[in-house]
Amino acid sequence: MNLKQLSEILGLSQTTVSRALNGYPEVSEATRKRVRAAAQAHGYAPNTRARSLATGRAQAIGHVIPVSSNHEMVNPVFADFIAGAGEVYSKNGYEMLLSVVSDEGEADAYRQFKVKGNVDGIIVHAPRMGDPRIHLLNELSLPFVVHGRASEEVEDYAWVDVNNFHAFERATNFLLDLGHRRIALVNGYETMDFAMRRRAGFTKAHEERGLTPDPTMCFSDEMTEAYGHDTARALLARTDAPTAFLVSSMITAIGVRRAIDELGLKLGRDVSVITHDDELSYFRNGADVPVYTATRSSVREAGRRAAAMLLDIIRGGDAPRQVLLEADLTLGQSTGPAPDMGRDG
């Protein structure tokens, strides 16, 4: 099956069929769906090299992955984001190019993408406050979208993010409404923008009630199960132990729960836990009834939105360049009223 044969079956010109398969905006969505369905049914796959020559595009999107033992990229969230983005790439005839580099080699990887011309755009992961990659990519004139935001960054850039501030402000208020006053924050690295915003939401909820979070109960580290476990064990051994934990990752929350279980305490009765749940497709928060009360957002959907935004930028479209997704607060079995443990509260 070649392009000419496929166009004859559809009763369309070869140009229209080619443009539909390559996602050109002037082709209607109905025509694109019809052409793609026919291509799949008849086993037609366009020649990537020929398509690149015809369009002047590489038909690939770059993802640079720094190798670091203490990096937020090393977690299951990245896989689900890539799965969502990959769905959009595949539908639009794009491939994904992953470049695994040392932390020091990340900037050079972007420069090499530009020199070689082997990608049409970049997705930037795990932004930091005032992230220097934004200035570099603007300088290189490489289209890009940031998964997240970079506070203190004054240059213009496109992004898709979750409202981390509002999610943790809301979660903190929920715990405060339940009577909790000793709330531990088990956060990710606060050099990362998402974690900084979560801390700000946590603090704001306290301040609006005339309260001040205990700084000795606020932690920032790589979001592992062991981090959650060790932090919770140490805190629960204190005479002024927290009655609740607000945790930045489901994986870390599992560690917190392990510590609670080891001490013979009951989750949701003796100690409450709220976690952020990225709604991973293969890592569910319980079955019919969620185990954890959680601020929930779909990282796969974020991947889809970021990829679609980037392809629109590459094609010169005018879709929105900033998308802020709200997280839901899902009630589970891990929260309850603050217990009367004979302590001030």
C-alpha atoms as a PDB file:
ATOM      1  CA  MET A   1       0.000   0.000   0.000  1.00  0.00           C
ATOM      2  CA  ASN A   2       1.441   3.363  -1.036  1.00  0.00           C
ATOM      3  CA  LEU A   3       0.194   6.933  -0.721  1.00  0.00           C
ATOM      4  CA  LYS A   4      -1.341   6.973  -4.199  1.00  0.00           C
ATOM      5  CA  GLN A   5      -3.351   3.803  -3.546  1.00  0.00           C
ATOM      6  CA  LEU A   6      -4.549   5.067  -0.174  1.00  0.00           C
ATOM      7  CA  SER A   7      -5.653   8.389  -1.686  1.00  0.00           C
ATOM      8  CA  GLU A   8      -7.606   6.541  -4.416  1.00  0.00           C
ATOM      9  CA  ILE A   9      -9.427   4.449  -1.797  1.00  0.00           C
ATOM     10  CA  LEU A  10     -10.365   7.579   0.121  1.00  0.00           C
ATOM     11  CA  GLY A  11     -11.224   9.640  -2.946  1.00  0.00           C
ATOM     12  CA  LEU A  12      -8.871  12.398  -1.792  1.00  0.00           C
ATOM     13  CA  SER A  13      -5.788  13.969  -3.296  1.00  0.00           C
ATOM     14  CA  GLN A  14      -2.387  12.668  -2.255  1.00  0.00           C
ATOM     15  CA  THR A  15      -1.617  16.118  -0.850  1.00  0.00           C
ATOM     16  CA  THR A  16      -4.695  16.066   1.385  1.00  0.00           C
ATOM     17  CA  VAL A  17      -3.931  12.540   2.603  1.00  0.00           C
ATOM     18  CA  SER A  18      -0.320  13.453   3.313  1.00  0.00           C
ATOM     19  CA  ARG A  19      -1.294  16.605   5.178  1.00  0.00           C
ATOM     20  CA  ALA A  20      -3.908  14.731   7.197  1.00  0.00           C
ATOM     21  CA  LEU A  21      -1.347  12.117   8.258  1.00  0.00           C
ATOM     22  CA  ASN A  22       1.139  14.838   9.183  1.00  0.00           C
ATOM     23  CA  GLY A  23      -1.374  16.788  11.276  1.00  0.00           C
ATOM     24  CA  TYR A  24      -1.493  20.008   9.279  1.00  0.00           C
ATOM     25  CA  PRO A  25      -4.017  22.431  10.859  1.00  0.00           C
ATOM     26  CA  GLU A  26      -5.751  23.264   7.570  1.00  0.00           C
ATOM     27  CA  VAL A  27      -7.092  19.695   7.358  1.00  0.00           C
ATOM     28  CA  SER A  28     -10.292  19.205   9.356  1.00  0.00           C
ATOM     29  CA  GLU A  29     -10.301  16.878  12.344  1.00  0.00           C
ATOM     30  CA  ALA A  30     -12.974  14.717  10.692  1.00  0.00           C
ATOM     31  CA  THR A  31     -10.784  14.240   7.604  1.00  0.00           C
ATOM     32  CA  ARG A  32      -7.715  13.487   9.740  1.00  0.00           C
ATOM     33  CA  LYS A  33      -9.596  10.799  11.651  1.00  0.00           C
ATOM     34  CA  ARG A  34     -10.956   9.289   8.433  1.00  0.00           C
ATOM     35  CA  VAL A  35      -7.519   9.199   6.780  1.00  0.00           C
ATOM     36  CA  ARG A  36      -5.791   7.728   9.829  1.00  0.00           C
ATOM     37  CA  ALA A  37      -8.475   5.055  10.204  1.00  0.00           C
ATOM     38  CA  ALA A  38      -8.079   4.066   6.543  1.00  0.00           C
ATOM     39  CA  ALA A  39      -4.283   4.033   6.819  1.00  0.00           C
ATOM     40  CA  GLN A  40      -4.481   1.716   9.804  1.00  0.00           C
ATOM     41  CA  ALA A  41      -7.087  -0.532   8.182  1.00  0.00           C
ATOM     42  CA  HIS A  42      -5.009  -0.921   5.013  1.00  0.00           C
ATOM     43  CA  GLY A  43      -1.633  -1.175   6.716  1.00  0.00           C
ATOM     44  CA  TYR A  44      -0.245   2.051   5.302  1.00  0.00           C
ATOM     45  CA  ALA A  45       2.743   3.556   7.138  1.00  0.00           C
ATOM     46  CA  PRO A  46       4.347   6.678   5.637  1.00  0.00           C
ATOM     47  CA  ASN A  47       8.071   6.636   5.103  1.00  0.00           C
ATOM     48  CA  THR A  48       9.465   8.725   7.936  1.00  0.00           C
ATOM     49  CA  ARG A  49      12.545   9.877   6.031  1.00  0.00           C
ATOM     50  CA  ALA A  50      10.525  10.846   2.987  1.00  0.00           C
ATOM     51  CA  ARG A  51       7.996  12.629   5.143  1.00  0.00           C
ATOM     52  CA  SER A  52      10.759  14.579   6.884  1.00  0.00           C
ATOM     53  CA  LEU A  53      12.199  15.669   3.554  1.00  0.00           C
ATOM     54  CA  ALA A  54       8.772  16.725   2.331  1.00  0.00           C
ATOM     55  CA  THR A  55       7.838  18.702   5.436  1.00  0.00           C
ATOM     56  CA  GLY A  56      11.276  20.009   6.391  1.00  0.00           C
ATOM     57  CA  ARG A  57      10.726  18.625   9.868  1.00  0.00           C
ATOM     58  CA  ALA A  58      12.471  15.898  11.832  1.00  0.00           C
ATOM     59  CA  GLN A  59       9.104  14.451  12.947  1.00  0.00           C
ATOM     60  CA  ALA A  60      10.590  13.825  16.395  1.00  0.00           C
ATOM     61  CA  ILE A  61      10.335  15.374  19.864  1.00  0.00           C
ATOM     62  CA  GLY A  62      13.276  15.395  22.259  1.00  0.00           C
ATOM     63  CA  HIS A  63      13.310  14.540  25.962  1.00  0.00           C
ATOM     64  CA  VAL A  64      16.596  15.056  27.826  1.00  0.00           C
ATOM     65  CA  ILE A  65      16.961  12.887  30.916  1.00  0.00           C
ATOM     66  CA  PRO A  66      19.780  13.704  33.338  1.00  0.00           C
ATOM     67  CA  VAL A  67      21.197  10.719  35.203  1.00  0.00           C
ATOM     68  CA  SER A  68      21.272  11.558  38.890  1.00  0.00           C
ATOM     69  CA  SER A  69      20.692   9.487  42.000  1.00  0.00           C
ATOM     70  CA  ASN A  70      18.896  12.413  43.612  1.00  0.00           C
ATOM     71  CA  HIS A  71      16.591  13.603  40.862  1.00  0.00           C
ATOM     72  CA  GLU A  72      12.818  13.843  40.708  1.00  0.00           C
ATOM     73  CA  MET A  73      12.875  12.279  37.248  1.00  0.00           C
ATOM     74  CA  VAL A  74      13.808   8.901  38.709  1.00  0.00           C
ATOM     75  CA  ASN A  75      10.277   7.821  39.596  1.00  0.00           C
ATOM     76  CA  PRO A  76       7.197   6.187  38.058  1.00  0.00           C
ATOM     77  CA  VAL A  77       5.646   9.557  37.230  1.00  0.00           C
ATOM     78  CA  PHE A  78       7.964  10.045  34.262  1.00  0.00           C
ATOM     79  CA  ALA A  79       6.840   6.789  32.617  1.00  0.00           C
ATOM     80  CA  ASP A  80       3.171   7.766  32.763  1.00  0.00           C
ATOM     81  CA  PHE A  81       3.887  11.268  31.439  1.00  0.00           C
ATOM     82  CA  ILE A  82       5.811   9.750  28.525  1.00  0.00           C
ATOM     83  CA  ALA A  83       2.943   7.329  27.865  1.00  0.00           C
ATOM     84  CA  GLY A  84       0.482  10.222  27.586  1.00  0.00           C
ATOM     85  CA  ALA A  85       2.786  12.282  25.390  1.00  0.00           C
ATOM     86  CA  GLY A  86       3.570   9.226  23.265  1.00  0.00           C
ATOM     87  CA  GLU A  87      -0.114   8.757  22.440  1.00  0.00           C
ATOM     88  CA  VAL A  88      -0.186  12.244  20.911  1.00  0.00           C
ATOM     89  CA  TYR A  89       3.116  11.796  19.076  1.00  0.00           C
ATOM     90  CA  SER A  90       1.973   8.514  17.563  1.00  0.00           C
ATOM     91  CA  LYS A  91      -1.343   9.931  16.352  1.00  0.00           C
ATOM     92  CA  ASN A  92       0.480  12.788  14.664  1.00  0.00           C
ATOM     93  CA  GLY A  93       3.254  10.791  13.031  1.00  0.00           C
ATOM     94  CA  TYR A  94       5.956  11.877  15.459  1.00  0.00           C
ATOM     95  CA  GLU A  95       8.640   9.841  17.180  1.00  0.00           C
ATOM     96  CA  MET A  96      10.238  10.369  20.568  1.00  0.00           C
ATOM     97  CA  LEU A  97      13.975  10.829  21.007  1.00  0.00           C
ATOM     98  CA  LEU A  98      15.311  10.302  24.539  1.00  0.00           C
ATOM     99  CA  SER A  99      18.774  11.613  25.351  1.00  0.00           C
ATOM    100  CA  VAL A 100      20.223  10.288  28.623  1.00  0.00           C
ATOM    101  CA  VAL A 101      23.048  12.522  29.843  1.00  0.00           C
ATOM    102  CA  SER A 102      24.987  13.484  32.948  1.00  0.00           C
ATOM    103  CA  ASP A 103      23.622  16.445  34.882  1.00  0.00           C
ATOM    104  CA  GLU A 104      26.524  18.516  33.602  1.00  0.00           C
ATOM    105  CA  GLY A 105      25.842  17.512  29.987  1.00  0.00           C
ATOM    106  CA  GLU A 106      22.192  18.578  29.839  1.00  0.00           C
ATOM    107  CA  ALA A 107      22.798  21.991  28.253  1.00  0.00           C
ATOM    108  CA  ASP A 108      25.066  20.454  25.605  1.00  0.00           C
ATOM    109  CA  ALA A 109      22.354  17.911  24.777  1.00  0.00           C
ATOM    110  CA  TYR A 110      19.965  20.743  23.868  1.00  0.00           C
ATOM    111  CA  ARG A 111      22.640  22.425  21.777  1.00  0.00           C
ATOM    112  CA  GLN A 112      23.295  19.145  19.934  1.00  0.00           C
ATOM    113  CA  PHE A 113      19.590  18.762  19.172  1.00  0.00           C
ATOM    114  CA  LYS A 114      19.671  22.197  17.578  1.00  0.00           C
ATOM    115  CA  VAL A 115      22.894  21.590  15.604  1.00  0.00           C
ATOM    116  CA  LYS A 116      21.828  18.169  14.321  1.00  0.00           C
ATOM    117  CA  GLY A 117      18.244  19.214  13.615  1.00  0.00           C
ATOM    118  CA  ASN A 118      17.023  15.790  14.698  1.00  0.00           C
ATOM    119  CA  VAL A 119      14.069  17.070  16.755  1.00  0.00           C
ATOM    120  CA  ASP A 120      11.401  19.677  16.080  1.00  0.00           C
ATOM    121  CA  GLY A 121      10.833  20.523  19.732  1.00  0.00           C
ATOM    122  CA  ILE A 122      11.632  19.716  23.357  1.00  0.00           C
ATOM    123  CA  ILE A 123       9.689  18.813  26.480  1.00  0.00           C
ATOM    124  CA  VAL A 124      11.444  20.171  29.578  1.00  0.00           C
ATOM    125  CA  HIS A 125      10.996  18.126  32.751  1.00  0.00           C
ATOM    126  CA  ALA A 126      11.333  18.859  36.475  1.00  0.00           C
ATOM    127  CA  PRO A 127      11.747  22.656  36.316  1.00  0.00           C
ATOM    128  CA  ARG A 128      13.585  24.480  39.059  1.00  0.00           C
ATOM    129  CA  MET A 129      13.081  28.046  40.243  1.00  0.00           C
ATOM    130  CA  GLY A 130      14.695  30.409  37.735  1.00  0.00           C
ATOM    131  CA  ASP A 131      15.504  27.439  35.519  1.00  0.00           C
ATOM    132  CA  PRO A 132      18.417  28.301  33.140  1.00  0.00           C
ATOM    133  CA  ARG A 133      17.159  25.837  30.516  1.00  0.00           C
ATOM    134  CA  ILE A 134      14.362  28.241  29.583  1.00  0.00           C
ATOM    135  CA  HIS A 135      16.773  31.003  28.594  1.00  0.00           C
ATOM    136  CA  LEU A 136      18.957  28.498  26.714  1.00  0.00           C
ATOM    137  CA  LEU A 137      16.084  27.061  24.657  1.00  0.00           C
ATOM    138  CA  ASN A 138      14.742  30.527  23.867  1.00  0.00           C
ATOM    139  CA  GLU A 139      18.225  31.515  22.752  1.00  0.00           C
ATOM    140  CA  LEU A 140      18.483  28.409  20.558  1.00  0.00           C
ATOM    141  CA  SER A 141      15.011  29.098  19.083  1.00  0.00           C
ATOM    142  CA  LEU A 142      13.991  25.504  19.782  1.00  0.00           C
ATOM    143  CA  PRO A 143      10.231  25.139  20.375  1.00  0.00           C
ATOM    144  CA  PHE A 144       9.630  23.753  23.857  1.00  0.00           C
ATOM    145  CA  VAL A 145       7.022  23.167  26.538  1.00  0.00           C
ATOM    146  CA  VAL A 146       7.796  22.865  30.239  1.00  0.00           C
ATOM    147  CA  HIS A 147       6.077  20.190  32.316  1.00  0.00           C
ATOM    148  CA  GLY A 148       5.614  22.396  35.356  1.00  0.00           C
ATOM    149  CA  ARG A 149       6.644  25.991  35.916  1.00  0.00           C
ATOM    150  CA  ALA A 150       9.785  27.864  36.907  1.00  0.00           C
ATOM    151  CA  SER A 151       9.102  30.539  39.492  1.00  0.00           C
ATOM    152  CA  GLU A 152      11.195  33.701  39.232  1.00  0.00           C
ATOM    153  CA  GLU A 153      11.614  33.127  35.479  1.00  0.00           C
ATOM    154  CA  VAL A 154      10.897  36.366  33.603  1.00  0.00           C
ATOM    155  CA  GLU A 155      11.229  35.062  30.028  1.00  0.00           C
ATOM    156  CA  ASP A 156       8.202  33.892  28.095  1.00  0.00           C
ATOM    157  CA  TYR A 157       7.677  30.128  27.813  1.00  0.00           C
ATOM    158  CA  ALA A 158       4.921  27.547  27.349  1.00  0.00           C
ATOM    159  CA  TRP A 159       3.961  25.227  30.190  1.00  0.00           C
ATOM    160  CA  VAL A 160       1.499  22.654  31.494  1.00  0.00           C
ATOM    161  CA  ASP A 161       1.297  22.412  35.279  1.00  0.00           C
ATOM    162  CA  VAL A 162      -0.845  21.255  38.174  1.00  0.00           C
ATOM    163  CA  ASN A 163      -1.984  23.876  40.673  1.00  0.00           C
ATOM    164  CA  ASN A 164       0.272  22.549  43.414  1.00  0.00           C
ATOM    165  CA  PHE A 165      -0.230  25.599  45.629  1.00  0.00           C
ATOM    166  CA  HIS A 166      -4.006  25.248  45.670  1.00  0.00           C
ATOM    167  CA  ALA A 167      -3.867  21.454  46.051  1.00  0.00           C
ATOM    168  CA  PHE A 168      -1.776  21.602  49.227  1.00  0.00           C
ATOM    169  CA  GLU A 169      -3.582  24.634  50.600  1.00  0.00           C
ATOM    170  CA  ARG A 170      -6.848  22.726  50.241  1.00  0.00           C
ATOM    171  CA  ALA A 171      -5.411  19.519  51.739  1.00  0.00           C
ATOM    172  CA  THR A 172      -3.993  21.441  54.712  1.00  0.00           C
ATOM    173  CA  ASN A 173      -7.316  23.173  55.316  1.00  0.00           C
ATOM    174  CA  PHE A 174      -9.033  19.771  55.269  1.00  0.00           C
ATOM    175  CA  LEU A 175      -6.727  18.519  58.032  1.00  0.00           C
ATOM    176  CA  LEU A 176      -7.124  21.731  60.010  1.00  0.00           C
ATOM    177  CA  ASP A 177     -10.919  21.383  59.743  1.00  0.00           C
ATOM    178  CA  LEU A 178     -10.557  17.912  61.265  1.00  0.00           C
ATOM    179  CA  GLY A 179      -8.844  19.480  64.280  1.00  0.00           C
ATOM    180  CA  HIS A 180      -5.231  18.626  63.430  1.00  0.00           C
ATOM    181  CA  ARG A 181      -2.688  21.208  64.541  1.00  0.00           C
ATOM    182  CA  ARG A 182       0.537  19.197  64.477  1.00  0.00           C
ATOM    183  CA  ILE A 183       0.791  18.461  60.761  1.00  0.00           C
ATOM    184  CA  ALA A 184       4.043  17.189  59.266  1.00  0.00           C
ATOM    185  CA  LEU A 185       4.949  18.140  55.689  1.00  0.00           C
ATOM    186  CA  VAL A 186       6.946  15.404  53.914  1.00  0.00           C
ATOM    187  CA  ASN A 187       7.811  17.222  50.717  1.00  0.00           C
ATOM    188  CA  GLY A 188       9.986  16.665  47.653  1.00  0.00           C
ATOM    189  CA  TYR A 189      13.142  18.650  46.972  1.00  0.00           C
ATOM    190  CA  GLU A 190      12.198  22.282  47.497  1.00  0.00           C
ATOM    191  CA  THR A 191      14.636  23.426  44.819  1.00  0.00           C
ATOM    192  CA  MET A 192      12.000  21.938  42.488  1.00  0.00           C
ATOM    193  CA  ASP A 193       9.209  24.345  41.612  1.00  0.00           C
ATOM    194  CA  PHE A 194       6.310  21.986  42.392  1.00  0.00           C
ATOM    195  CA  ALA A 195       7.601  21.310  45.917  1.00  0.00           C
ATOM    196  CA  MET A 196       8.172  24.989  46.616  1.00  0.00           C
ATOM    197  CA  ARG A 197       4.576  25.732  45.602  1.00  0.00           C
ATOM    198  CA  ARG A 198       3.262  22.904  47.790  1.00  0.00           C
ATOM    199  CA  ARG A 199       5.153  24.278  50.806  1.00  0.00           C
ATOM    200  CA  ALA A 200       3.696  27.734  50.079  1.00  0.00           C
ATOM    201  CA  GLY A 201       0.133  26.338  49.987  1.00  0.00           C
ATOM    202  CA  PHE A 202       0.727  24.450  53.244  1.00  0.00           C
ATOM    203  CA  THR A 203       2.035  27.609  54.925  1.00  0.00           C
ATOM    204  CA  LYS A 204      -0.744  29.846  53.578  1.00  0.00           C
ATOM    205  CA  ALA A 205      -3.487  27.587  54.975  1.00  0.00           C
ATOM    206  CA  HIS A 206      -1.925  27.817  58.431  1.00  0.00           C
ATOM    207  CA  GLU A 207      -1.365  31.556  58.275  1.00  0.00           C
ATOM    208  CA  GLU A 208      -4.966  32.285  57.285  1.00  0.00           C
ATOM    209  CA  ARG A 209      -6.000  30.744  60.618  1.00  0.00           C
ATOM    210  CA  GLY A 210      -3.376  32.572  62.623  1.00  0.00           C
ATOM    211  CA  LEU A 211      -1.203  29.465  62.892  1.00  0.00           C
ATOM    212  CA  THR A 212       2.461  28.858  62.141  1.00  0.00           C
ATOM    213  CA  PRO A 213       3.675  25.483  60.827  1.00  0.00           C
ATOM    214  CA  ASP A 214       6.304  23.849  63.033  1.00  0.00           C
ATOM    215  CA  PRO A 215       9.548  24.063  60.990  1.00  0.00           C
ATOM    216  CA  THR A 216      10.852  20.936  62.754  1.00  0.00           C
ATOM    217  CA  MET A 217       8.004  18.998  61.133  1.00  0.00           C
ATOM    218  CA  CYS A 218       8.707  20.152  57.574  1.00  0.00           C
ATOM    219  CA  PHE A 219      10.998  17.995  55.435  1.00  0.00           C
ATOM    220  CA  SER A 220      12.370  18.119  51.894  1.00  0.00           C
ATOM    221  CA  ASP A 221      14.119  15.215  50.159  1.00  0.00           C
ATOM    222  CA  GLU A 222      13.982  12.691  47.324  1.00  0.00           C
ATOM    223  CA  MET A 223      10.503  11.162  47.310  1.00  0.00           C
ATOM    224  CA  THR A 224      11.287   7.532  48.133  1.00  0.00           C
ATOM    225  CA  GLU A 225       9.515   4.984  50.311  1.00  0.00           C
ATOM    226  CA  ALA A 226      12.467   4.885  52.718  1.00  0.00           C
ATOM    227  CA  TYR A 227      12.373   8.675  53.111  1.00  0.00           C
ATOM    228  CA  GLY A 228       8.709   8.490  54.110  1.00  0.00           C
ATOM    229  CA  HIS A 229       9.295   5.614  56.517  1.00  0.00           C
ATOM    230  CA  ASP A 230      12.363   7.026  58.252  1.00  0.00           C
ATOM    231  CA  THR A 231      10.907  10.519  58.563  1.00  0.00           C
ATOM    232  CA  ALA A 232       7.634   9.240  60.004  1.00  0.00           C
ATOM    233  CA  ARG A 233       9.370   6.893  62.476  1.00  0.00           C
ATOM    234  CA  ALA A 234      11.472   9.744  63.818  1.00  0.00           C
ATOM    235  CA  LEU A 235       8.533  12.132  64.084  1.00  0.00           C
ATOM    236  CA  LEU A 236       6.189   9.625  65.709  1.00  0.00           C
ATOM    237  CA  ALA A 237       8.796   8.966  68.422  1.00  0.00           C
ATOM    238  CA  ARG A 238       8.562  12.591  69.581  1.00  0.00           C
ATOM    239  CA  THR A 239       6.535  13.592  72.641  1.00  0.00           C
ATOM    240  CA  ASP A 240       4.818  16.165  70.417  1.00  0.00           C
ATOM    241  CA  ALA A 241       4.316  13.699  67.543  1.00  0.00           C
ATOM    242  CA  PRO A 242       2.264  14.884  64.581  1.00  0.00           C
ATOM    243  CA  THR A 243      -1.323  13.723  64.346  1.00  0.00           C
ATOM    244  CA  ALA A 244      -1.274  14.103  60.561  1.00  0.00           C
ATOM    245  CA  PHE A 245       1.088  13.957  57.597  1.00  0.00           C
ATOM    246  CA  LEU A 246       0.823  15.783  54.277  1.00  0.00           C
ATOM    247  CA  VAL A 247       2.993  13.897  51.784  1.00  0.00           C
ATOM    248  CA  SER A 248       4.129  14.838  48.269  1.00  0.00           C
ATOM    249  CA  SER A 249       4.158  11.355  46.715  1.00  0.00           C
ATOM    250  CA  MET A 250       2.177   8.138  46.919  1.00  0.00           C
ATOM    251  CA  ILE A 251       5.448   6.205  47.098  1.00  0.00           C
ATOM    252  CA  THR A 252       6.582   8.257  50.086  1.00  0.00           C
ATOM    253  CA  ALA A 253       3.152   7.875  51.698  1.00  0.00           C
ATOM    254  CA  ILE A 254       3.546   4.096  51.571  1.00  0.00           C
ATOM    255  CA  GLY A 255       6.687   4.525  53.663  1.00  0.00           C
ATOM    256  CA  VAL A 256       4.805   6.742  56.128  1.00  0.00           C
ATOM    257  CA  ARG A 257       2.111   4.097  56.431  1.00  0.00           C
ATOM    258  CA  ARG A 258       4.734   1.392  57.057  1.00  0.00           C
ATOM    259  CA  ALA A 259       6.069   3.412  59.985  1.00  0.00           C
ATOM    260  CA  ILE A 260       2.554   3.871  61.368  1.00  0.00           C
ATOM    261  CA  ASP A 261       1.887   0.129  61.147  1.00  0.00           C
ATOM    262  CA  GLU A 262       5.201  -0.779  62.791  1.00  0.00           C
ATOM    263  CA  LEU A 263       4.286   1.344  65.811  1.00  0.00           C
ATOM    264  CA  GLY A 264       0.921  -0.374  66.173  1.00  0.00           C
ATOM    265  CA  LEU A 265      -1.009   2.738  65.258  1.00  0.00           C
ATOM    266  CA  LYS A 266      -4.149   2.830  63.126  1.00  0.00           C
ATOM    267  CA  LEU A 267      -4.075   4.813  59.871  1.00  0.00           C
ATOM    268  CA  GLY A 268      -6.949   7.281  59.784  1.00  0.00           C
ATOM    269  CA  ARG A 269      -7.682   6.919  63.497  1.00  0.00           C
ATOM    270  CA  ASP A 270      -4.425   7.536  65.375  1.00  0.00           C
ATOM    271  CA  VAL A 271      -2.597   9.243  62.533  1.00  0.00           C
ATOM    272  CA  SER A 272      -4.051  10.834  59.395  1.00  0.00           C
ATOM    273  CA  VAL A 273      -2.265  10.957  56.044  1.00  0.00           C
ATOM    274  CA  ILE A 274      -2.998  12.942  52.885  1.00  0.00           C
ATOM    275  CA  THR A 275      -0.797  12.345  49.872  1.00  0.00           C
ATOM    276  CA  HIS A 276      -0.462  13.710  46.385  1.00  0.00           C
ATOM    277  CA  ASP A 277      -1.513  10.998  43.944  1.00  0.00           C
ATOM    278  CA  ASP A 278      -0.383  11.423  40.350  1.00  0.00           C
ATOM    279  CA  GLU A 279      -3.086   8.934  39.331  1.00  0.00           C
ATOM    280  CA  LEU A 280      -0.660   6.536  37.721  1.00  0.00           C
ATOM    281  CA  SER A 281      -2.260   3.992  35.409  1.00  0.00           C
ATOM    282  CA  TYR A 282      -0.482   1.033  37.039  1.00  0.00           C
ATOM    283  CA  PHE A 283      -0.253   2.275  40.648  1.00  0.00           C
ATOM    284  CA  ARG A 284      -3.780   2.592  41.988  1.00  0.00           C
ATOM    285  CA  ASN A 285      -4.899   4.202  45.246  1.00  0.00           C
ATOM    286  CA  GLY A 286      -7.032   1.255  46.340  1.00  0.00           C
ATOM    287  CA  ALA A 287      -9.910  -0.311  44.427  1.00  0.00           C
ATOM    288  CA  ASP A 288     -13.504   0.769  45.104  1.00  0.00           C
ATOM    289  CA  VAL A 289     -12.612   2.874  48.158  1.00  0.00           C
ATOM    290  CA  PRO A 290      -9.327   4.815  48.043  1.00  0.00           C
ATOM    291  CA  VAL A 291      -6.820   3.886  50.736  1.00  0.00           C
ATOM    292  CA  TYR A 292      -5.454   7.422  50.943  1.00  0.00           C
ATOM    293  CA  THR A 293      -7.163  10.754  51.029  1.00  0.00           C
ATOM    294  CA  ALA A 294      -5.310  12.405  48.177  1.00  0.00           C
ATOM    295  CA  THR A 295      -4.903  15.426  45.968  1.00  0.00           C
ATOM    296  CA  ARG A 296      -5.218  13.743  42.581  1.00  0.00           C
ATOM    297  CA  SER A 297      -4.119  14.704  39.096  1.00  0.00           C
ATOM    298  CA  SER A 298      -3.486  12.612  35.989  1.00  0.00           C
ATOM    299  CA  VAL A 299       0.143  12.844  34.922  1.00  0.00           C
ATOM    300  CA  ARG A 300      -0.769  10.945  31.736  1.00  0.00           C
ATOM    301  CA  GLU A 301      -3.231  13.700  30.840  1.00  0.00           C
ATOM    302  CA  ALA A 302      -0.515  16.273  31.552  1.00  0.00           C
ATOM    303  CA  GLY A 303       1.677  14.393  29.066  1.00  0.00           C
ATOM    304  CA  ARG A 304      -1.061  14.518  26.440  1.00  0.00           C
ATOM    305  CA  ARG A 305      -1.648  18.224  26.969  1.00  0.00           C
ATOM    306  CA  ALA A 306       2.050  19.123  26.869  1.00  0.00           C
ATOM    307  CA  ALA A 307       2.633  17.106  23.690  1.00  0.00           C
ATOM    308  CA  ALA A 308      -0.410  18.598  21.938  1.00  0.00           C
ATOM    309  CA  MET A 309       0.697  22.107  22.931  1.00  0.00           C
ATOM    310  CA  LEU A 310       4.212  21.533  21.602  1.00  0.00           C
ATOM    311  CA  LEU A 311       2.978  20.182  18.262  1.00  0.00           C
ATOM    312  CA  ASP A 312       0.688  23.202  17.950  1.00  0.00           C
ATOM    313  CA  ILE A 313       3.660  25.518  18.556  1.00  0.00           C
ATOM    314  CA  ILE A 314       5.710  23.677  15.937  1.00  0.00           C
ATOM    315  CA  ARG A 315       2.899  24.061  13.397  1.00  0.00           C
ATOM    316  CA  GLY A 316       2.407  27.736  14.153  1.00  0.00           C
ATOM    317  CA  GLY A 317      -0.982  27.294  15.775  1.00  0.00           C
ATOM    318  CA  ASP A 318      -2.582  29.648  18.267  1.00  0.00           C
ATOM    319  CA  ALA A 319      -3.730  27.292  21.042  1.00  0.00           C
ATOM    320  CA  PRO A 320      -3.185  28.480  24.667  1.00  0.00           C
ATOM    321  CA  ARG A 321       0.444  28.403  25.780  1.00  0.00           C
ATOM    322  CA  GLN A 322      -0.174  27.985  29.520  1.00  0.00           C
ATOM    323  CA  VAL A 323      -2.433  25.310  30.992  1.00  0.00           C
ATOM    324  CA  LEU A 324      -3.006  25.043  34.750  1.00  0.00           C
ATOM    325  CA  LEU A 325      -4.683  21.788  35.771  1.00  0.00           C
ATOM    326  CA  GLU A 326      -6.539  21.569  39.081  1.00  0.00           C
ATOM    327  CA  ALA A 327      -6.092  18.561  41.373  1.00  0.00           C
ATOM    328  CA  ASP A 328      -9.111  16.855  42.897  1.00  0.00           C
ATOM    329  CA  LEU A 329      -9.297  16.114  46.628  1.00  0.00           C
ATOM    330  CA  THR A 330     -10.356  12.480  46.890  1.00  0.00           C
ATOM    331  CA  LEU A 331     -11.459  11.187  50.283  1.00  0.00           C
ATOM    332  CA  GLY A 332     -10.039   7.858  51.430  1.00  0.00           C
ATOM    333  CA  GLN A 333      -9.567   5.795  54.563  1.00  0.00           C
ATOM    334  CA  SER A 334      -6.400   7.525  55.730  1.00  0.00           C
ATOM    335  CA  THR A 335      -7.911  10.599  57.384  1.00  0.00           C
ATOM    336  CA  GLY A 336     -10.071  11.217  60.435  1.00  0.00           C
ATOM    337  CA  PRO A 337     -10.540  13.691  63.294  1.00  0.00           C
ATOM    338  CA  ALA A 338      -7.488  14.607  65.339  1.00  0.00           C
ATOM    339  CA  PRO A 339      -7.244  12.047  68.165  1.00  0.00           C
ATOM    340  CA  ASP A 340      -7.415  13.030  71.812  1.00  0.00           C
ATOM    341  CA  MET A 341      -3.966  11.844  72.877  1.00  0.00           C
ATOM    342  CA  GLY A 342      -3.686  13.955  76.006  1.00  0.00           C
ATOM    343  CA  ARG A 343      -1.553  16.530  74.246  1.00  0.00           C
ATOM    344  CA  ASP A 344      -2.071  20.162  73.395  1.00  0.00           C
ATOM    345  CA  GLY A 345      -3.802  20.520  70.071  1.00  0.00           C
END
